[in-house]
Amino acid sequence: TAVAITIGLLELTGQARSMQEFSFQVFEAYTAATVMYLLINVVVVTAMRVIESRVAIPGMIAGK
């Protein structure tokens, strides 16, 4: 998931740069990219926690 999120971050940053060059609204472009990045991260982390809890073998996960 770290690779996917990193690629997503690069894509969002590129899109924010494109929006900024087109509209000259730097703050708005990067704020929108940041909000989208945070939302994507929350969804991915939550999904991974659910998947991990469903496929976990009792006694095999450290820290629980």
PDB file of N, CA and C in Angstrom:
ATOM      1  N   THR A   1       0.807  -1.202   0.000  1.00  0.00           N
ATOM      2  CA  THR A   1       0.000   0.000   0.000  1.00  0.00           C
ATOM      3  C   THR A   1       0.850   1.267   0.000  1.00  0.00           C
ATOM      4  N   ALA A   2       2.071   1.161   0.543  1.00  0.00           N
ATOM      5  CA  ALA A   2       2.940   2.346   0.574  1.00  0.00           C
ATOM      6  C   ALA A   2       3.306   2.795  -0.836  1.00  0.00           C
ATOM      7  N   VAL A   3       3.548   1.841  -1.724  1.00  0.00           N
ATOM      8  CA  VAL A   3       3.892   2.187  -3.106  1.00  0.00           C
ATOM      9  C   VAL A   3       2.700   2.833  -3.800  1.00  0.00           C
ATOM     10  N   ALA A   4       1.530   2.282  -3.603  1.00  0.00           N
ATOM     11  CA  ALA A   4       0.327   2.842  -4.233  1.00  0.00           C
ATOM     12  C   ALA A   4       0.043   4.251  -3.731  1.00  0.00           C
ATOM     13  N   ILE A   5       0.231   4.473  -2.447  1.00  0.00           N
ATOM     14  CA  ILE A   5      -0.019   5.802  -1.896  1.00  0.00           C
ATOM     15  C   ILE A   5       1.023   6.794  -2.393  1.00  0.00           C
ATOM     16  N   THR A   6       2.278   6.340  -2.528  1.00  0.00           N
ATOM     17  CA  THR A   6       3.327   7.222  -3.051  1.00  0.00           C
ATOM     18  C   THR A   6       3.043   7.602  -4.494  1.00  0.00           C
ATOM     19  N   ILE A   7       2.632   6.631  -5.296  1.00  0.00           N
ATOM     20  CA  ILE A   7       2.282   6.924  -6.689  1.00  0.00           C
ATOM     21  C   ILE A   7       1.091   7.876  -6.733  1.00  0.00           C
ATOM     22  N   GLY A   8       0.117   7.647  -5.874  1.00  0.00           N
ATOM     23  CA  GLY A   8      -1.034   8.547  -5.800  1.00  0.00           C
ATOM     24  C   GLY A   8      -0.639   9.957  -5.416  1.00  0.00           C
ATOM     25  N   LEU A   9       0.308  10.071  -4.497  1.00  0.00           N
ATOM     26  CA  LEU A   9       0.790  11.388  -4.088  1.00  0.00           C
ATOM     27  C   LEU A   9       1.458  12.104  -5.252  1.00  0.00           C
ATOM     28  N   LEU A  10       2.263  11.383  -6.024  1.00  0.00           N
ATOM     29  CA  LEU A  10       2.920  11.989  -7.185  1.00  0.00           C
ATOM     30  C   LEU A  10       1.899  12.438  -8.222  1.00  0.00           C
ATOM     31  N   GLU A  11       0.879  11.637  -8.447  1.00  0.00           N
ATOM     32  CA  GLU A  11      -0.170  12.001  -9.399  1.00  0.00           C
ATOM     33  C   GLU A  11      -0.952  13.226  -8.928  1.00  0.00           C
ATOM     34  N   LEU A  12      -1.311  13.240  -7.653  1.00  0.00           N
ATOM     35  CA  LEU A  12      -2.054  14.384  -7.122  1.00  0.00           C
ATOM     36  C   LEU A  12      -1.226  15.660  -7.174  1.00  0.00           C
ATOM     37  N   THR A  13       0.064  15.552  -6.875  1.00  0.00           N
ATOM     38  CA  THR A  13       0.935  16.723  -6.943  1.00  0.00           C
ATOM     39  C   THR A  13       1.043  17.225  -8.374  1.00  0.00           C
ATOM     40  N   GLY A  14       1.166  16.313  -9.321  1.00  0.00           N
ATOM     41  CA  GLY A  14       1.220  16.707 -10.725  1.00  0.00           C
ATOM     42  C   GLY A  14      -0.058  17.388 -11.178  1.00  0.00           C
ATOM     43  N   GLN A  15      -1.184  16.855 -10.750  1.00  0.00           N
ATOM     44  CA  GLN A  15      -2.460  17.473 -11.109  1.00  0.00           C
ATOM     45  C   GLN A  15      -2.614  18.846 -10.460  1.00  0.00           C
ATOM     46  N   ALA A  16      -2.127  18.981  -9.228  1.00  0.00           N
ATOM     47  CA  ALA A  16      -2.196  20.282  -8.555  1.00  0.00           C
ATOM     48  C   ALA A  16      -1.338  21.307  -9.285  1.00  0.00           C
ATOM     49  N   ARG A  17      -0.180  20.873  -9.757  1.00  0.00           N
ATOM     50  CA  ARG A  17       0.674  21.787 -10.533  1.00  0.00           C
ATOM     51  C   ARG A  17      -0.026  22.217 -11.816  1.00  0.00           C
ATOM     52  N   SER A  18      -0.669  21.270 -12.476  1.00  0.00           N
ATOM     53  CA  SER A  18      -1.396  21.602 -13.705  1.00  0.00           C
ATOM     54  C   SER A  18      -2.533  22.574 -13.426  1.00  0.00           C
ATOM     55  N   MET A  19      -3.282  22.337 -12.357  1.00  0.00           N
ATOM     56  CA  MET A  19      -4.374  23.239 -11.986  1.00  0.00           C
ATOM     57  C   MET A  19      -3.837  24.630 -11.666  1.00  0.00           C
ATOM     58  N   GLN A  20      -2.716  24.680 -10.963  1.00  0.00           N
ATOM     59  CA  GLN A  20      -2.121  25.948 -10.563  1.00  0.00           C
ATOM     60  C   GLN A  20      -1.635  26.728 -11.777  1.00  0.00           C
ATOM     61  N   GLU A  21      -1.045  26.049 -12.746  1.00  0.00           N
ATOM     62  CA  GLU A  21      -0.564  26.725 -13.948  1.00  0.00           C
ATOM     63  C   GLU A  21      -1.722  27.259 -14.783  1.00  0.00           C
ATOM     64  N   PHE A  22      -2.825  26.538 -14.787  1.00  0.00           N
ATOM     65  CA  PHE A  22      -3.982  26.942 -15.581  1.00  0.00           C
ATOM     66  C   PHE A  22      -4.750  28.084 -14.927  1.00  0.00           C
ATOM     67  N   SER A  23      -4.928  28.006 -13.609  1.00  0.00           N
ATOM     68  CA  SER A  23      -5.802  28.969 -12.939  1.00  0.00           C
ATOM     69  C   SER A  23      -5.070  29.983 -12.068  1.00  0.00           C
ATOM     70  N   PHE A  24      -3.782  29.777 -11.838  1.00  0.00           N
ATOM     71  CA  PHE A  24      -2.974  30.659 -10.986  1.00  0.00           C
ATOM     72  C   PHE A  24      -3.496  30.720  -9.550  1.00  0.00           C
ATOM     73  N   GLN A  25      -4.161  29.680  -9.110  1.00  0.00           N
ATOM     74  CA  GLN A  25      -4.647  29.592  -7.734  1.00  0.00           C
ATOM     75  C   GLN A  25      -3.860  28.494  -7.020  1.00  0.00           C
ATOM     76  N   VAL A  26      -2.688  28.862  -6.550  1.00  0.00           N
ATOM     77  CA  VAL A  26      -1.765  27.890  -5.966  1.00  0.00           C
ATOM     78  C   VAL A  26      -2.338  27.275  -4.693  1.00  0.00           C
ATOM     79  N   PHE A  27      -2.785  28.104  -3.781  1.00  0.00           N
ATOM     80  CA  PHE A  27      -3.275  27.608  -2.491  1.00  0.00           C
ATOM     81  C   PHE A  27      -4.449  26.655  -2.667  1.00  0.00           C
ATOM     82  N   GLU A  28      -5.386  27.018  -3.499  1.00  0.00           N
ATOM     83  CA  GLU A  28      -6.572  26.186  -3.707  1.00  0.00           C
ATOM     84  C   GLU A  28      -6.204  24.847  -4.343  1.00  0.00           C
ATOM     85  N   ALA A  29      -5.295  24.874  -5.300  1.00  0.00           N
ATOM     86  CA  ALA A  29      -4.898  23.640  -5.982  1.00  0.00           C
ATOM     87  C   ALA A  29      -4.241  22.666  -5.013  1.00  0.00           C
ATOM     88  N   TYR A  30      -3.310  23.150  -4.218  1.00  0.00           N
ATOM     89  CA  TYR A  30      -2.615  22.266  -3.291  1.00  0.00           C
ATOM     90  C   TYR A  30      -3.491  21.877  -2.099  1.00  0.00           C
ATOM     91  N   THR A  31      -4.414  22.732  -1.712  1.00  0.00           N
ATOM     92  CA  THR A  31      -5.354  22.364  -0.654  1.00  0.00           C
ATOM     93  C   THR A  31      -6.264  21.238  -1.127  1.00  0.00           C
ATOM     94  N   ALA A  32      -6.753  21.336  -2.341  1.00  0.00           N
ATOM     95  CA  ALA A  32      -7.598  20.273  -2.897  1.00  0.00           C
ATOM     96  C   ALA A  32      -6.817  18.968  -2.997  1.00  0.00           C
ATOM     97  N   ALA A  33      -5.571  19.028  -3.443  1.00  0.00           N
ATOM     98  CA  ALA A  33      -4.741  17.828  -3.545  1.00  0.00           C
ATOM     99  C   ALA A  33      -4.491  17.219  -2.169  1.00  0.00           C
ATOM    100  N   THR A  34      -4.262  18.058  -1.175  1.00  0.00           N
ATOM    101  CA  THR A  34      -4.021  17.569   0.181  1.00  0.00           C
ATOM    102  C   THR A  34      -5.255  16.889   0.756  1.00  0.00           C
ATOM    103  N   VAL A  35      -6.415  17.490   0.562  1.00  0.00           N
ATOM    104  CA  VAL A  35      -7.655  16.900   1.067  1.00  0.00           C
ATOM    105  C   VAL A  35      -7.919  15.559   0.388  1.00  0.00           C
ATOM    106  N   MET A  36      -7.734  15.491  -0.916  1.00  0.00           N
ATOM    107  CA  MET A  36      -7.946  14.231  -1.635  1.00  0.00           C
ATOM    108  C   MET A  36      -6.953  13.175  -1.166  1.00  0.00           C
ATOM    109  N   TYR A  37      -5.698  13.550  -0.956  1.00  0.00           N
ATOM    110  CA  TYR A  37      -4.677  12.617  -0.483  1.00  0.00           C
ATOM    111  C   TYR A  37      -5.053  12.063   0.893  1.00  0.00           C
ATOM    112  N   LEU A  38      -5.480  12.932   1.792  1.00  0.00           N
ATOM    113  CA  LEU A  38      -5.862  12.478   3.130  1.00  0.00           C
ATOM    114  C   LEU A  38      -7.070  11.550   3.083  1.00  0.00           C
ATOM    115  N   LEU A  39      -8.052  11.873   2.253  1.00  0.00           N
ATOM    116  CA  LEU A  39      -9.227  11.004   2.122  1.00  0.00           C
ATOM    117  C   LEU A  39      -8.853   9.635   1.567  1.00  0.00           C
ATOM    118  N   ILE A  40      -8.004   9.623   0.554  1.00  0.00           N
ATOM    119  CA  ILE A  40      -7.556   8.351  -0.023  1.00  0.00           C
ATOM    120  C   ILE A  40      -6.806   7.536   1.018  1.00  0.00           C
ATOM    121  N   ASN A  41      -5.928   8.192   1.785  1.00  0.00           N
ATOM    122  CA  ASN A  41      -5.181   7.491   2.825  1.00  0.00           C
ATOM    123  C   ASN A  41      -6.093   6.880   3.876  1.00  0.00           C
ATOM    124  N   VAL A  42      -7.086   7.633   4.325  1.00  0.00           N
ATOM    125  CA  VAL A  42      -8.007   7.122   5.343  1.00  0.00           C
ATOM    126  C   VAL A  42      -8.750   5.899   4.814  1.00  0.00           C
ATOM    127  N   VAL A  43      -9.204   5.961   3.586  1.00  0.00           N
ATOM    128  CA  VAL A  43      -9.928   4.831   2.994  1.00  0.00           C
ATOM    129  C   VAL A  43      -9.023   3.609   2.874  1.00  0.00           C
ATOM    130  N   VAL A  44      -7.807   3.793   2.386  1.00  0.00           N
ATOM    131  CA  VAL A  44      -6.886   2.666   2.199  1.00  0.00           C
ATOM    132  C   VAL A  44      -6.499   2.053   3.542  1.00  0.00           C
ATOM    133  N   VAL A  45      -6.158   2.874   4.514  1.00  0.00           N
ATOM    134  CA  VAL A  45      -5.757   2.357   5.826  1.00  0.00           C
ATOM    135  C   VAL A  45      -6.915   1.621   6.491  1.00  0.00           C
ATOM    136  N   THR A  46      -8.106   2.172   6.413  1.00  0.00           N
ATOM    137  CA  THR A  46      -9.274   1.516   6.999  1.00  0.00           C
ATOM    138  C   THR A  46      -9.553   0.182   6.313  1.00  0.00           C
ATOM    139  N   ALA A  47      -9.487   0.168   5.004  1.00  0.00           N
ATOM    140  CA  ALA A  47      -9.712  -1.077   4.261  1.00  0.00           C
ATOM    141  C   ALA A  47      -8.667  -2.125   4.623  1.00  0.00           C
ATOM    142  N   MET A  48      -7.420  -1.722   4.744  1.00  0.00           N
ATOM    143  CA  MET A  48      -6.369  -2.678   5.088  1.00  0.00           C
ATOM    144  C   MET A  48      -6.553  -3.225   6.503  1.00  0.00           C
ATOM    145  N   ARG A  49      -7.011  -2.401   7.425  1.00  0.00           N
ATOM    146  CA  ARG A  49      -7.274  -2.884   8.791  1.00  0.00           C
ATOM    147  C   ARG A  49      -8.400  -3.903   8.802  1.00  0.00           C
ATOM    148  N   VAL A  50      -9.439  -3.646   8.026  1.00  0.00           N
ATOM    149  CA  VAL A  50     -10.561  -4.586   7.953  1.00  0.00           C
ATOM    150  C   VAL A  50     -10.100  -5.898   7.339  1.00  0.00           C
ATOM    151  N   ILE A  51      -9.360  -5.819   6.254  1.00  0.00           N
ATOM    152  CA  ILE A  51      -8.856  -7.035   5.600  1.00  0.00           C
ATOM    153  C   ILE A  51      -7.943  -7.803   6.539  1.00  0.00           C
ATOM    154  N   GLU A  52      -7.051  -7.093   7.222  1.00  0.00           N
ATOM    155  CA  GLU A  52      -6.125  -7.746   8.145  1.00  0.00           C
ATOM    156  C   GLU A  52      -6.867  -8.454   9.270  1.00  0.00           C
ATOM    157  N   SER A  53      -7.905  -7.824   9.795  1.00  0.00           N
ATOM    158  CA  SER A  53      -8.645  -8.457  10.893  1.00  0.00           C
ATOM    159  C   SER A  53      -9.438  -9.668  10.417  1.00  0.00           C
ATOM    160  N   ARG A  54      -9.873  -9.667   9.175  1.00  0.00           N
ATOM    161  CA  ARG A  54     -10.660 -10.798   8.660  1.00  0.00           C
ATOM    162  C   ARG A  54      -9.801 -12.000   8.306  1.00  0.00           C
ATOM    163  N   VAL A  55      -8.574 -11.774   7.870  1.00  0.00           N
ATOM    164  CA  VAL A  55      -7.724 -12.892   7.457  1.00  0.00           C
ATOM    165  C   VAL A  55      -6.703 -13.274   8.521  1.00  0.00           C
ATOM    166  N   ALA A  56      -6.749 -12.624   9.669  1.00  0.00           N
ATOM    167  CA  ALA A  56      -5.778 -12.888  10.731  1.00  0.00           C
ATOM    168  C   ALA A  56      -5.966 -14.286  11.307  1.00  0.00           C
ATOM    169  N   ILE A  57      -4.855 -14.920  11.563  1.00  0.00           N
ATOM    170  CA  ILE A  57      -4.859 -16.210  12.240  1.00  0.00           C
ATOM    171  C   ILE A  57      -4.639 -15.919  13.725  1.00  0.00           C
ATOM    172  N   PRO A  58      -5.543 -16.369  14.577  1.00  0.00           N
ATOM    173  CA  PRO A  58      -5.404 -16.061  16.007  1.00  0.00           C
ATOM    174  C   PRO A  58      -4.045 -16.504  16.556  1.00  0.00           C
ATOM    175  N   GLY A  59      -3.396 -15.602  17.273  1.00  0.00           N
ATOM    176  CA  GLY A  59      -2.107 -15.905  17.884  1.00  0.00           C
ATOM    177  C   GLY A  59      -0.915 -15.677  16.981  1.00  0.00           C
ATOM    178  N   MET A  60      -1.136 -15.309  15.725  1.00  0.00           N
ATOM    179  CA  MET A  60      -0.031 -15.142  14.781  1.00  0.00           C
ATOM    180  C   MET A  60       0.355 -13.685  14.558  1.00  0.00           C
ATOM    181  N   ILE A  61      -0.435 -12.737  15.021  1.00  0.00           N
ATOM    182  CA  ILE A  61      -0.127 -11.328  14.811  1.00  0.00           C
ATOM    183  C   ILE A  61       0.455 -10.763  16.095  1.00  0.00           C
ATOM    184  N   ALA A  62       1.651 -10.205  15.991  1.00  0.00           N
ATOM    185  CA  ALA A  62       2.311  -9.625  17.161  1.00  0.00           C
ATOM    186  C   ALA A  62       1.610  -8.337  17.567  1.00  0.00           C
ATOM    187  N   GLY A  63       1.626  -8.055  18.838  1.00  0.00           N
ATOM    188  CA  GLY A  63       1.070  -6.801  19.323  1.00  0.00           C
ATOM    189  C   GLY A  63      -0.411  -6.852  19.652  1.00  0.00           C
ATOM    190  N   LYS A  64      -1.034  -7.993  19.524  1.00  0.00           N
ATOM    191  CA  LYS A  64      -2.464  -8.082  19.841  1.00  0.00           C
ATOM    192  C   LYS A  64      -2.682  -9.116  20.905  1.00  0.00           C
TER     193      LYS A  64
END
